Amino acid sequence: MTSVAVLGGGIGGLSAAHELAERGFAVTVYEANERMGGKARSIPIDGSKDAILGEHGFRFFPGFYRHVTDTMARIPYRDRTVADNLVPTSESLLARATGEEVVARTATPRTIGEWREALQPPTSDGLPPREAAVLGERLLTLLTSCDARREDDLEYRSWWEFVEADRLSPAYRKLAAVTQLLVALRPQDGSARTFGKIYLQLIRGQLDPRMDAERILNGPTSTVWIEPWVAYLEDLGVEFVRETRVTGIDCDRERVTGVETTRGEVGAEYYVAALPVEAMVELLSPDLKRGAPSLAHIDRLETGWMTGIQFYLESDRPLVHGHQLYLDSPWALTAISQGQFWSEYDLSEAGSGAVGDVLSVIISDWDAAGELTGKPARDCSPEEIKAETWDQLTTHLNRDETRLADDDLVEWFLNPAIEETDDGVVNREPLLVNTAGSLRYRPEAATGMKNLVLASDYVRTETDLASMEGANEAARRATNAILDRSGSDAPRCELWALEEPAVFEPLRAHDAVRYRLGLPHASEGAWSPVREALVP
């Protein structure tokens, strides 16, 4: 059997191990932590066997995810599969510190009234109709742009610039930035190409009757996904070596000759680097850059701090059957009340048995000053982060009635990757952020080294996003590269492109002709006076 060493036991590494093991390869996974799953793993909050579980943040599966959910459907779970542990939400809470609170449907509309509601901008409070038309025109421009224009033009423009947010109203800027609350993309920095693609996919998820707009897990991630996955892979013969950090990659100009770890040197015929970008940067050597030149500039890729904190409540507080977006929160908070969805996990049997619900919160903006502390999250202590986050939540939720009470809080848990320092905190597990122009620094899954491939979310993929979906797609591409290079006749991993409405294909073809002729997109020509008329 051909041997493969998978460096990293996160979603990318486990996905690569899965695909390779099912095709008859001898796979060993080396993971720095004791628990598999990377950022997706669940962590006992006090280290005990029966402790309540905390996480990096809540898991979110938009409707356009196909790669990772396909893999989940191939993992046995009791008498079904792990994919059956995905449950749809039906609504989202758009909470404000001032102004009207909105509960928006996430289920596909069924009646004329529901369609009318769904087609309204999600943060339409105070948004002039002509500004809503501007955003619609910008989205139409994206939909009708050819791939070459997207990569050569929109990739180098920020979403903020593309939608002209700076010259429009605060309500418009809030609408333009709403995607930041669910994915690791800052609209001011993220490329118009990436941000726009994901924005359109989230809209499509709500309107396409073939899919659920968003799904979440029916229990802690490790309990209902990662642990059954590891058990299945062990049944396939995969070996897991835990608490083993990669410290070096030895190579000549053509091949990896060995990998240094904290447990000694590792040898294999093929190597899958499934490490996060910041860890891979630390392993770059002159020889590795020469042999795999596509890795030479990954140190220019940026990372962000989107991560989570959990609040464990004594009583059941569902709030809404889906995600909560705190639109006026300085730290760009999102949350979900998880207990209502956790049919596969009995909170009353965890820890002391005093917990009735888990409010899982993600902090997206670590640079804005908080209202309680006056400091950005990165400059706060863990206790200050907890107090400030709780204050921002209650400011939004308790305007007319007390929906989140101080005496209901039993325990809290901050992602342990957020470590305290003398000047605040550091994040040991940041996320890749797709800034404008960064696509050129992102490598393909297959490197110039004959036996080295990549399975991480910084790899170029159709998903184009720091996510479980991106990591899984990268792992499939890495597996296909090994199959090609080893001469295997095993079936290749299936890959899916992001779907866009077919009705726009003729217009995209027309734009491809314009692009080849050196002409701007039609919206920058004939349509631009329309936009100028809409926005003085």
Protein backbone atom coordinates (compact mmCIF):
# COMPACT_ATOMS: atom_id res chain seq x y z
CA MET A 1 0.00 0.00 0.00
CA THR A 2 1.18 3.50 -0.80
CA SER A 3 1.87 5.43 2.40
CA VAL A 4 0.65 8.98 3.01
CA ALA A 5 1.46 11.24 5.95
CA VAL A 6 -1.26 13.82 6.60
CA LEU A 7 0.12 16.76 8.55
CA GLY A 8 -2.77 18.23 10.54
CA GLY A 9 -6.00 16.71 11.86
CA GLY A 10 -8.40 19.54 11.12
CA ILE A 11 -11.22 19.36 8.58
CA GLY A 12 -8.77 19.44 5.65
CA GLY A 13 -6.59 16.70 7.08
CA LEU A 14 -9.49 14.44 8.06
CA SER A 15 -11.10 14.96 4.64
CA ALA A 16 -7.87 13.99 2.86
CA ALA A 17 -7.44 10.95 5.12
CA HIS A 18 -11.04 9.94 4.36
CA GLU A 19 -10.69 10.16 0.58
CA LEU A 20 -7.29 8.46 0.49
CA ALA A 21 -8.18 5.64 2.90
CA GLU A 22 -11.33 4.80 0.94
CA ARG A 23 -9.07 4.44 -2.13
CA GLY A 24 -6.69 2.00 -0.47
CA PHE A 25 -3.83 4.24 0.73
CA ALA A 26 -2.09 3.67 4.07
CA VAL A 27 -2.73 6.94 5.91
CA THR A 28 -1.27 8.35 9.13
CA VAL A 29 -2.54 11.65 10.52
CA TYR A 30 -0.28 13.78 12.73
CA GLU A 31 -2.09 16.36 14.88
CA ALA A 32 -0.66 18.91 17.31
CA ASN A 33 -3.65 18.75 19.68
CA GLU A 34 -5.01 15.84 21.67
CA ARG A 35 -8.42 16.19 20.01
CA MET A 36 -9.00 15.94 16.25
CA GLY A 37 -11.00 18.49 14.28
CA GLY A 38 -8.82 21.61 14.34
CA LYS A 39 -10.91 24.75 14.84
CA ALA A 40 -14.06 22.61 14.58
CA ARG A 41 -13.25 20.45 17.61
CA SER A 42 -15.25 20.59 20.83
CA ILE A 43 -13.29 21.16 24.05
CA PRO A 44 -14.33 20.13 27.60
CA ILE A 45 -14.42 23.40 29.53
CA ASP A 46 -12.75 21.95 32.63
CA GLY A 47 -10.92 18.97 31.15
CA SER A 48 -13.10 16.33 32.80
CA LYS A 49 -14.78 13.47 30.92
CA ASP A 50 -18.35 14.62 31.56
CA ALA A 51 -17.68 18.35 31.29
CA ILE A 52 -19.82 20.68 29.22
CA LEU A 53 -18.27 21.21 25.81
CA GLY A 54 -17.04 24.53 24.48
CA GLU A 55 -15.99 25.38 20.93
CA HIS A 56 -14.11 27.80 18.69
CA GLY A 57 -17.57 29.05 17.66
CA PHE A 58 -20.85 27.69 16.36
CA ARG A 59 -20.80 25.58 13.19
CA PHE A 60 -22.69 27.07 10.25
CA PHE A 61 -23.52 25.15 7.05
CA PRO A 62 -24.94 27.45 4.34
CA GLY A 63 -26.99 25.89 1.58
CA PHE A 64 -24.21 26.19 -0.97
CA TYR A 65 -21.92 23.83 0.99
CA ARG A 66 -21.69 20.62 -1.05
CA HIS A 67 -18.24 19.12 -0.53
CA VAL A 68 -18.17 18.84 3.25
CA THR A 69 -21.81 17.73 3.46
CA ASP A 70 -21.16 15.03 0.85
CA THR A 71 -18.34 13.73 3.05
CA MET A 72 -20.60 13.84 6.10
CA ALA A 73 -23.13 11.70 4.24
CA ARG A 74 -20.44 8.99 3.97
CA ILE A 75 -19.70 8.84 7.71
CA PRO A 76 -21.77 6.27 9.64
CA TYR A 77 -23.60 7.51 12.73
CA ARG A 78 -25.65 4.89 14.58
CA ASP A 79 -28.20 3.65 12.02
CA ARG A 80 -27.81 6.67 9.75
CA THR A 81 -25.04 9.12 8.74
CA VAL A 82 -23.46 12.24 10.19
CA ALA A 83 -25.22 14.30 7.50
CA ASP A 84 -28.48 13.43 9.22
CA ASN A 85 -27.24 15.43 12.20
CA LEU A 86 -27.61 18.64 10.16
CA VAL A 87 -30.85 20.45 10.94
CA PRO A 88 -32.23 23.55 9.22
CA THR A 89 -32.98 26.84 10.89
CA SER A 90 -36.16 28.71 9.96
CA GLU A 91 -35.49 32.31 10.96
CA SER A 92 -32.88 34.85 12.02
CA LEU A 93 -33.07 37.60 14.60
CA LEU A 94 -31.75 40.97 13.41
CA ALA A 95 -31.38 42.76 16.74
CA ARG A 96 -30.61 46.46 17.11
CA ALA A 97 -29.65 48.64 20.03
CA THR A 98 -31.91 51.31 18.50
CA GLY A 99 -34.55 51.00 15.81
CA GLU A 100 -36.85 48.14 14.91
CA GLU A 101 -35.92 44.54 15.64
CA VAL A 102 -36.61 42.13 12.78
CA VAL A 103 -37.17 38.38 12.67
CA ALA A 104 -36.38 37.30 9.11
CA ARG A 105 -37.30 33.95 7.57
CA THR A 106 -34.47 31.70 6.43
CA ALA A 107 -36.78 29.01 5.08
CA THR A 108 -37.61 29.14 1.36
CA PRO A 109 -40.69 31.35 0.78
CA ARG A 110 -43.91 29.53 -0.05
CA THR A 111 -46.53 32.27 -0.35
CA ILE A 112 -46.61 35.62 -2.16
CA GLY A 113 -46.40 37.39 1.18
CA GLU A 114 -43.34 35.39 2.20
CA TRP A 115 -41.65 36.11 -1.13
CA ARG A 116 -42.35 39.83 -0.70
CA GLU A 117 -40.77 39.70 2.75
CA ALA A 118 -37.76 37.70 1.55
CA LEU A 119 -36.98 40.14 -1.25
CA GLN A 120 -36.83 43.10 1.12
CA PRO A 121 -33.28 44.14 2.13
CA PRO A 122 -32.54 42.48 5.50
CA THR A 123 -31.53 45.77 7.16
CA SER A 124 -33.95 48.06 5.35
CA ASP A 125 -34.47 50.26 8.43
CA GLY A 126 -33.87 53.78 7.10
CA LEU A 127 -32.53 52.58 3.73
CA PRO A 128 -33.65 54.88 0.88
CA PRO A 129 -35.17 52.88 -2.02
CA ARG A 130 -32.70 54.40 -4.47
CA GLU A 131 -29.80 53.08 -2.38
CA ALA A 132 -31.32 49.60 -2.36
CA ALA A 133 -31.40 49.93 -6.15
CA VAL A 134 -27.69 50.77 -6.18
CA LEU A 135 -26.83 47.57 -4.30
CA GLY A 136 -29.06 45.62 -6.67
CA GLU A 137 -27.22 47.12 -9.64
CA ARG A 138 -23.84 46.22 -8.11
CA LEU A 139 -24.95 42.62 -7.55
CA LEU A 140 -26.22 42.47 -11.12
CA THR A 141 -22.83 43.71 -12.32
CA LEU A 142 -21.16 40.88 -10.40
CA LEU A 143 -23.57 38.29 -11.77
CA THR A 144 -22.96 39.38 -15.35
CA SER A 145 -19.16 39.70 -15.12
CA CYS A 146 -17.07 37.00 -16.81
CA ASP A 147 -14.58 34.94 -14.80
CA ALA A 148 -11.57 36.76 -16.27
CA ARG A 149 -12.92 40.15 -15.23
CA ARG A 150 -13.65 38.86 -11.76
CA GLU A 151 -10.09 37.57 -11.31
CA ASP A 152 -8.28 40.45 -13.02
CA ASP A 153 -10.43 43.37 -11.86
CA LEU A 154 -12.87 42.60 -9.05
CA GLU A 155 -10.25 40.57 -7.19
CA TYR A 156 -8.18 43.74 -6.77
CA ARG A 157 -11.05 45.94 -5.59
CA SER A 158 -12.49 45.77 -2.10
CA TRP A 159 -16.17 45.01 -1.67
CA TRP A 160 -16.51 48.37 0.09
CA GLU A 161 -15.13 50.20 -2.94
CA PHE A 162 -17.14 48.12 -5.42
CA VAL A 163 -20.51 48.86 -3.77
CA GLU A 164 -19.54 52.52 -3.18
CA ALA A 165 -20.33 52.23 0.52
CA ASP A 166 -18.39 55.28 1.71
CA ARG A 167 -20.57 57.76 -0.16
CA LEU A 168 -23.91 56.28 0.90
CA SER A 169 -25.95 56.19 4.10
CA PRO A 170 -25.16 54.31 7.33
CA ALA A 171 -28.14 52.03 6.61
CA TYR A 172 -26.64 51.13 3.24
CA ARG A 173 -23.22 50.45 4.77
CA LYS A 174 -24.84 48.17 7.32
CA LEU A 175 -26.58 46.22 4.55
CA ALA A 176 -23.36 46.02 2.50
CA ALA A 177 -21.47 44.65 5.52
CA VAL A 178 -24.04 42.13 6.76
CA THR A 179 -22.14 39.12 5.31
CA GLN A 180 -19.25 39.88 7.69
CA LEU A 181 -21.45 38.71 10.52
CA LEU A 182 -21.52 35.13 9.21
CA VAL A 183 -18.18 34.60 7.43
CA ALA A 184 -14.59 35.70 8.01
CA LEU A 185 -14.59 38.59 5.55
CA ARG A 186 -14.21 42.28 6.28
CA PRO A 187 -16.07 44.25 3.59
CA GLN A 188 -13.52 47.08 3.77
CA ASP A 189 -10.65 44.69 3.00
CA GLY A 190 -12.14 41.63 1.32
CA SER A 191 -12.04 41.39 -2.44
CA ALA A 192 -15.21 42.25 -4.34
CA ARG A 193 -14.79 38.95 -6.16
CA THR A 194 -14.86 36.80 -3.01
CA PHE A 195 -17.23 38.88 -0.89
CA GLY A 196 -19.69 39.25 -3.75
CA LYS A 197 -19.66 35.53 -4.61
CA ILE A 198 -20.47 34.59 -1.02
CA TYR A 199 -23.10 37.33 -0.69
CA LEU A 200 -24.86 35.96 -3.77
CA GLN A 201 -24.63 32.38 -2.50
CA LEU A 202 -26.22 33.32 0.83
CA ILE A 203 -29.07 35.03 -1.02
CA ARG A 204 -29.44 32.03 -3.32
CA GLY A 205 -29.61 29.71 -0.32
CA GLN A 206 -32.68 31.51 0.95
CA LEU A 207 -34.50 31.67 -2.39
CA ASP A 208 -33.62 28.31 -3.97
CA PRO A 209 -36.27 25.71 -3.02
CA ARG A 210 -33.76 22.89 -3.67
CA MET A 211 -31.76 23.68 -0.54
CA ASP A 212 -31.98 24.83 3.06
CA ALA A 213 -30.59 28.34 3.49
CA GLU A 214 -28.56 27.27 6.49
CA ARG A 215 -28.15 24.25 8.71
CA ILE A 216 -26.47 23.60 12.03
CA LEU A 217 -25.53 20.48 13.98
CA ASN A 218 -27.87 18.81 16.45
CA GLY A 219 -25.17 18.48 19.09
CA PRO A 220 -21.59 19.55 19.91
CA THR A 221 -19.37 19.22 16.86
CA SER A 222 -17.09 16.51 18.21
CA THR A 223 -19.98 14.46 19.59
CA VAL A 224 -22.09 14.31 16.44
CA TRP A 225 -19.41 14.65 13.74
CA ILE A 226 -15.69 14.53 14.57
CA GLU A 227 -15.65 11.52 16.92
CA PRO A 228 -17.81 9.33 14.63
CA TRP A 229 -15.59 10.44 11.73
CA VAL A 230 -12.37 9.46 13.51
CA ALA A 231 -13.92 6.10 14.47
CA TYR A 232 -14.87 5.46 10.83
CA LEU A 233 -11.40 6.36 9.61
CA GLU A 234 -9.82 4.05 12.19
CA ASP A 235 -12.05 1.27 10.85
CA LEU A 236 -10.57 2.04 7.41
CA GLY A 237 -7.06 1.62 8.86
CA VAL A 238 -6.11 5.27 9.35
CA GLU A 239 -3.62 5.77 12.18
CA PHE A 240 -3.81 8.88 14.34
CA VAL A 241 -0.78 10.30 16.12
CA ARG A 242 -1.92 12.97 18.56
CA GLU A 243 -0.06 15.76 20.36
CA THR A 244 2.58 15.76 17.64
CA ARG A 245 3.58 19.10 16.18
CA VAL A 246 5.32 19.42 12.81
CA THR A 247 8.57 21.35 13.24
CA GLY A 248 10.22 21.04 9.82
CA ILE A 249 9.85 19.74 6.27
CA ASP A 250 13.03 18.24 4.78
CA CYS A 251 13.28 18.25 1.01
CA ASP A 252 15.45 18.50 -2.03
CA ARG A 253 14.32 20.40 -5.12
CA GLU A 254 11.99 17.64 -6.28
CA ARG A 255 10.62 15.76 -3.27
CA VAL A 256 9.93 15.89 0.43
CA THR A 257 12.43 13.51 2.00
CA GLY A 258 11.01 13.55 5.53
CA VAL A 259 9.11 15.59 8.11
CA GLU A 260 10.44 16.60 11.51
CA THR A 261 7.98 16.42 14.42
CA THR A 262 8.13 16.71 18.18
CA ARG A 263 8.14 12.89 18.26
CA GLY A 264 10.91 12.46 15.72
CA GLU A 265 11.19 12.16 11.95
CA VAL A 266 8.27 10.95 9.83
CA GLY A 267 8.65 9.22 6.48
CA ALA A 268 6.07 8.44 3.76
CA GLU A 269 5.75 8.22 0.00
CA TYR A 270 3.36 11.19 -0.16
CA TYR A 271 2.70 14.10 2.19
CA VAL A 272 -0.47 16.13 2.64
CA ALA A 273 0.16 19.47 4.33
CA ALA A 274 -3.19 20.19 6.01
CA LEU A 275 -1.86 22.88 8.33
CA PRO A 276 -3.31 26.38 8.71
CA VAL A 277 -1.53 29.06 6.75
CA GLU A 278 0.22 30.63 9.76
CA ALA A 279 1.66 27.22 10.72
CA MET A 280 2.75 26.49 7.15
CA VAL A 281 4.54 29.84 6.95
CA GLU A 282 6.69 28.82 9.90
CA LEU A 283 7.84 25.72 8.00
CA LEU A 284 8.93 27.50 4.82
CA SER A 285 12.61 26.99 4.08
CA PRO A 286 14.69 28.10 1.07
CA ASP A 287 14.68 24.52 -0.25
CA LEU A 288 10.91 24.22 0.15
CA LYS A 289 10.32 27.53 -1.63
CA ARG A 290 12.56 26.46 -4.51
CA GLY A 291 10.88 23.08 -4.86
CA ALA A 292 7.35 24.39 -4.37
CA PRO A 293 7.47 28.00 -5.61
CA SER A 294 3.70 28.38 -5.27
CA LEU A 295 4.29 28.50 -1.48
CA ALA A 296 6.86 31.28 -1.68
CA HIS A 297 4.43 34.11 -0.94
CA ILE A 298 1.88 32.56 1.42
CA ASP A 299 3.39 34.73 4.15
CA ARG A 300 1.59 37.63 2.47
CA LEU A 301 -1.81 36.10 3.18
CA GLU A 302 -3.58 37.76 6.10
CA THR A 303 -5.48 36.25 8.99
CA GLY A 304 -8.27 37.58 11.19
CA TRP A 305 -9.61 36.95 14.67
CA MET A 306 -13.19 35.79 14.13
CA THR A 307 -13.74 33.43 17.08
CA GLY A 308 -16.19 32.58 19.81
CA ILE A 309 -17.33 32.60 23.41
CA GLN A 310 -20.08 30.44 24.94
CA PHE A 311 -22.48 31.45 27.69
CA TYR A 312 -24.10 28.57 29.58
CA LEU A 313 -27.55 29.49 30.87
CA GLU A 314 -29.63 27.91 33.60
CA SER A 315 -32.88 28.13 31.64
CA ASP A 316 -33.79 27.39 28.05
CA ARG A 317 -33.49 30.63 26.05
CA PRO A 318 -34.13 29.86 22.35
CA LEU A 319 -34.63 33.58 21.45
CA VAL A 320 -35.17 32.66 17.77
CA HIS A 321 -35.06 29.45 15.70
CA GLY A 322 -31.77 30.31 14.05
CA HIS A 323 -28.94 32.82 14.12
CA GLN A 324 -28.96 36.14 15.92
CA LEU A 325 -27.23 39.10 14.25
CA TYR A 326 -26.48 42.02 16.58
CA LEU A 327 -26.36 44.76 13.99
CA ASP A 328 -25.30 47.65 16.22
CA SER A 329 -22.78 45.73 18.31
CA PRO A 330 -19.29 47.29 18.18
CA TRP A 331 -17.71 43.84 18.06
CA ALA A 332 -20.00 42.60 15.23
CA LEU A 333 -21.56 39.82 17.29
CA THR A 334 -23.53 36.87 16.00
CA ALA A 335 -24.95 34.08 18.12
CA ILE A 336 -27.22 31.08 18.23
CA SER A 337 -29.18 29.45 21.06
CA GLN A 338 -28.03 25.87 20.61
CA GLY A 339 -30.07 23.90 23.13
CA GLN A 340 -33.22 23.96 20.99
CA PHE A 341 -31.39 22.15 18.19
CA TRP A 342 -29.39 19.64 20.26
CA SER A 343 -31.56 16.54 20.07
CA GLU A 344 -28.41 14.37 20.18
CA TYR A 345 -26.98 15.90 23.35
CA ASP A 346 -28.62 16.10 26.78
CA LEU A 347 -27.37 19.24 28.54
CA SER A 348 -28.83 18.07 31.84
CA GLU A 349 -26.32 15.20 31.89
CA ALA A 350 -23.29 17.41 31.25
CA GLY A 351 -21.18 18.92 34.02
CA SER A 352 -23.17 19.69 37.14
CA GLY A 353 -26.48 19.32 35.32
CA ALA A 354 -27.33 22.98 35.95
CA VAL A 355 -27.16 24.12 32.32
CA GLY A 356 -30.36 24.47 30.32
CA ASP A 357 -29.08 26.22 27.21
CA VAL A 358 -25.90 27.34 25.43
CA LEU A 359 -25.72 30.76 23.83
CA SER A 360 -22.78 30.46 21.43
CA VAL A 361 -21.44 33.85 20.33
CA ILE A 362 -18.88 34.79 17.68
CA ILE A 363 -16.91 38.04 17.90
CA SER A 364 -16.10 39.20 14.36
CA ASP A 365 -14.49 42.60 14.99
CA TRP A 366 -11.57 42.57 17.44
CA ASP A 367 -10.39 46.08 16.56
CA ALA A 368 -13.41 48.27 17.37
CA ALA A 369 -13.72 49.85 20.82
CA GLY A 370 -16.32 48.29 23.09
CA GLU A 371 -18.94 50.40 24.85
CA LEU A 372 -18.39 49.03 28.36
CA THR A 373 -14.58 48.85 28.41
CA GLY A 374 -13.80 51.45 25.74
CA LYS A 375 -11.21 49.00 24.38
CA PRO A 376 -11.04 46.69 21.37
CA ALA A 377 -11.38 43.01 22.19
CA ARG A 378 -7.72 42.26 21.42
CA ASP A 379 -6.68 44.69 24.19
CA CYS A 380 -9.00 43.20 26.81
CA SER A 381 -8.46 40.45 29.35
CA PRO A 382 -10.64 37.31 29.00
CA GLU A 383 -12.83 38.58 31.86
CA GLU A 384 -13.25 41.92 30.10
CA ILE A 385 -14.10 40.16 26.84
CA LYS A 386 -16.78 38.19 28.66
CA ALA A 387 -18.22 41.29 30.37
CA GLU A 388 -18.18 43.41 27.20
CA THR A 389 -19.75 40.70 25.04
CA TRP A 390 -22.49 40.09 27.60
CA ASP A 391 -23.14 43.83 27.80
CA GLN A 392 -23.48 44.15 24.02
CA LEU A 393 -25.90 41.21 23.96
CA THR A 394 -28.11 42.56 26.74
CA THR A 395 -28.09 46.06 25.23
CA HIS A 396 -29.73 44.59 22.15
CA LEU A 397 -31.98 42.00 23.77
CA ASN A 398 -33.29 43.70 26.90
CA ARG A 399 -34.71 46.93 25.48
CA ASP A 400 -38.40 46.17 26.21
CA GLU A 401 -38.13 43.06 28.38
CA THR A 402 -35.42 41.04 30.09
CA ARG A 403 -34.61 38.20 27.72
CA LEU A 404 -31.07 37.65 28.99
CA ALA A 405 -30.69 37.93 32.77
CA ASP A 406 -27.42 38.13 34.70
CA ASP A 407 -28.59 35.62 37.31
CA ASP A 408 -29.33 33.09 34.54
CA LEU A 409 -25.63 32.81 33.64
CA VAL A 410 -24.10 29.59 35.03
CA GLU A 411 -20.71 29.50 33.26
CA TRP A 412 -18.86 30.91 30.26
CA PHE A 413 -16.06 29.64 28.03
CA LEU A 414 -13.75 31.64 25.77
CA ASN A 415 -11.99 29.82 22.94
CA PRO A 416 -8.70 28.70 24.58
CA ALA A 417 -6.79 29.82 21.47
CA ILE A 418 -7.36 33.33 22.87
CA GLU A 419 -4.47 33.53 25.33
CA GLU A 420 -3.93 36.33 27.82
CA THR A 421 -0.79 38.48 27.65
CA ASP A 422 0.40 41.57 29.51
CA ASP A 423 -1.19 43.77 26.81
CA GLY A 424 -4.47 41.94 26.26
CA VAL A 425 -4.78 38.68 24.35
CA VAL A 426 -3.31 36.85 21.34
CA ASN A 427 -5.11 34.46 19.02
CA ARG A 428 -3.24 31.19 18.44
CA GLU A 429 -5.78 29.97 15.86
CA PRO A 430 -6.64 32.86 13.52
CA LEU A 431 -8.63 32.52 10.29
CA LEU A 432 -7.51 33.25 6.75
CA VAL A 433 -8.97 36.52 5.45
CA ASN A 434 -9.33 36.92 1.67
CA THR A 435 -8.14 40.49 1.21
CA ALA A 436 -8.29 42.27 -2.14
CA GLY A 437 -5.50 41.04 -4.41
CA SER A 438 -4.58 38.02 -2.25
CA LEU A 439 -5.66 35.36 -4.76
CA ARG A 440 -2.26 35.57 -6.49
CA TYR A 441 -0.57 34.36 -3.28
CA ARG A 442 -2.80 31.32 -2.82
CA PRO A 443 -1.37 28.05 -4.19
CA GLU A 444 -3.08 25.18 -5.97
CA ALA A 445 -3.46 21.92 -4.04
CA ALA A 446 -0.73 20.27 -6.13
CA THR A 447 2.70 21.80 -5.51
CA GLY A 448 5.89 21.65 -7.56
CA MET A 449 7.13 18.89 -5.26
CA LYS A 450 6.27 15.48 -6.69
CA ASN A 451 5.06 14.10 -3.37
CA LEU A 452 3.69 17.17 -1.56
CA VAL A 453 0.09 18.39 -1.80
CA LEU A 454 -1.94 20.89 0.22
CA ALA A 455 -5.30 20.44 1.96
CA SER A 456 -6.09 23.67 3.76
CA ASP A 457 -8.51 26.55 3.26
CA TYR A 458 -5.84 28.90 1.89
CA VAL A 459 -5.60 26.69 -1.23
CA ARG A 460 -7.29 27.96 -4.40
CA THR A 461 -10.78 26.46 -4.55
CA GLU A 462 -14.17 27.22 -6.06
CA THR A 463 -15.41 27.86 -2.51
CA ASP A 464 -12.83 30.66 -2.19
CA LEU A 465 -13.45 31.11 1.53
CA ALA A 466 -11.82 30.26 4.87
CA SER A 467 -14.30 27.56 5.84
CA MET A 468 -14.88 23.86 6.43
CA GLU A 469 -16.20 23.69 2.87
CA GLY A 470 -13.03 25.24 1.48
CA ALA A 471 -10.80 22.88 3.48
CA ASN A 472 -12.77 19.84 2.33
CA GLU A 473 -12.66 20.93 -1.31
CA ALA A 474 -8.90 21.49 -1.04
CA ALA A 475 -8.51 17.98 0.40
CA ARG A 476 -10.37 16.53 -2.58
CA ARG A 477 -8.09 18.39 -4.96
CA ALA A 478 -5.05 17.17 -3.01
CA THR A 479 -6.32 13.59 -3.19
CA ASN A 480 -6.86 13.84 -6.94
CA ALA A 481 -3.30 15.12 -7.34
CA ILE A 482 -1.92 12.10 -5.45
CA LEU A 483 -4.08 9.77 -7.55
CA ASP A 484 -2.71 11.34 -10.73
CA ARG A 485 0.90 11.29 -9.59
CA SER A 486 0.78 7.75 -8.25
CA GLY A 487 -0.89 6.41 -11.40
CA SER A 488 -3.87 5.13 -9.42
CA ASP A 489 -6.97 4.04 -11.32
CA ALA A 490 -9.21 4.77 -8.31
CA PRO A 491 -12.12 7.14 -8.99
CA ARG A 492 -11.33 10.82 -8.58
CA CYS A 493 -13.00 12.92 -5.90
CA GLU A 494 -16.04 14.79 -7.12
CA LEU A 495 -15.83 18.60 -7.22
CA TRP A 496 -18.63 21.15 -7.56
CA ALA A 497 -18.57 24.73 -8.76
CA LEU A 498 -20.66 27.40 -7.06
CA GLU A 499 -23.95 27.64 -8.92
CA GLU A 500 -25.21 30.92 -10.35
CA PRO A 501 -28.49 31.61 -12.18
CA ALA A 502 -28.28 30.25 -15.73
CA VAL A 503 -30.29 33.21 -17.00
CA PHE A 504 -27.16 35.37 -16.70
CA GLU A 505 -24.92 33.09 -18.80
CA PRO A 506 -25.53 35.00 -22.09
CA LEU A 507 -24.65 38.28 -20.38
CA ARG A 508 -21.49 36.77 -18.91
CA ALA A 509 -20.51 35.51 -22.36
CA HIS A 510 -21.12 39.00 -23.75
CA ASP A 511 -18.91 40.46 -21.01
CA ALA A 512 -16.17 37.96 -21.86
CA VAL A 513 -16.09 39.41 -25.38
CA ARG A 514 -15.97 42.95 -24.01
CA TYR A 515 -13.15 41.96 -21.67
CA ARG A 516 -11.08 40.43 -24.46
CA LEU A 517 -11.55 43.67 -26.43
CA GLY A 518 -10.32 45.71 -23.48
CA LEU A 519 -13.74 47.26 -22.81
CA PRO A 520 -15.20 47.87 -19.32
CA HIS A 521 -18.24 46.07 -18.04
CA ALA A 522 -21.46 47.48 -19.45
CA SER A 523 -22.42 48.81 -16.02
CA GLU A 524 -19.34 51.00 -16.00
CA GLY A 525 -20.43 52.45 -19.33
CA ALA A 526 -24.08 52.67 -20.32
CA TRP A 527 -25.42 51.94 -16.85
CA SER A 528 -23.15 54.24 -14.88
CA PRO A 529 -25.33 57.36 -15.46
CA VAL A 530 -28.20 55.38 -13.97
CA ARG A 531 -26.22 54.80 -10.79
CA GLU A 532 -25.16 58.44 -10.67
CA ALA A 533 -28.79 59.47 -10.96
CA LEU A 534 -29.73 57.19 -8.09
CA VAL A 535 -27.00 58.53 -5.81
CA PRO A 536 -26.29 62.27 -6.05
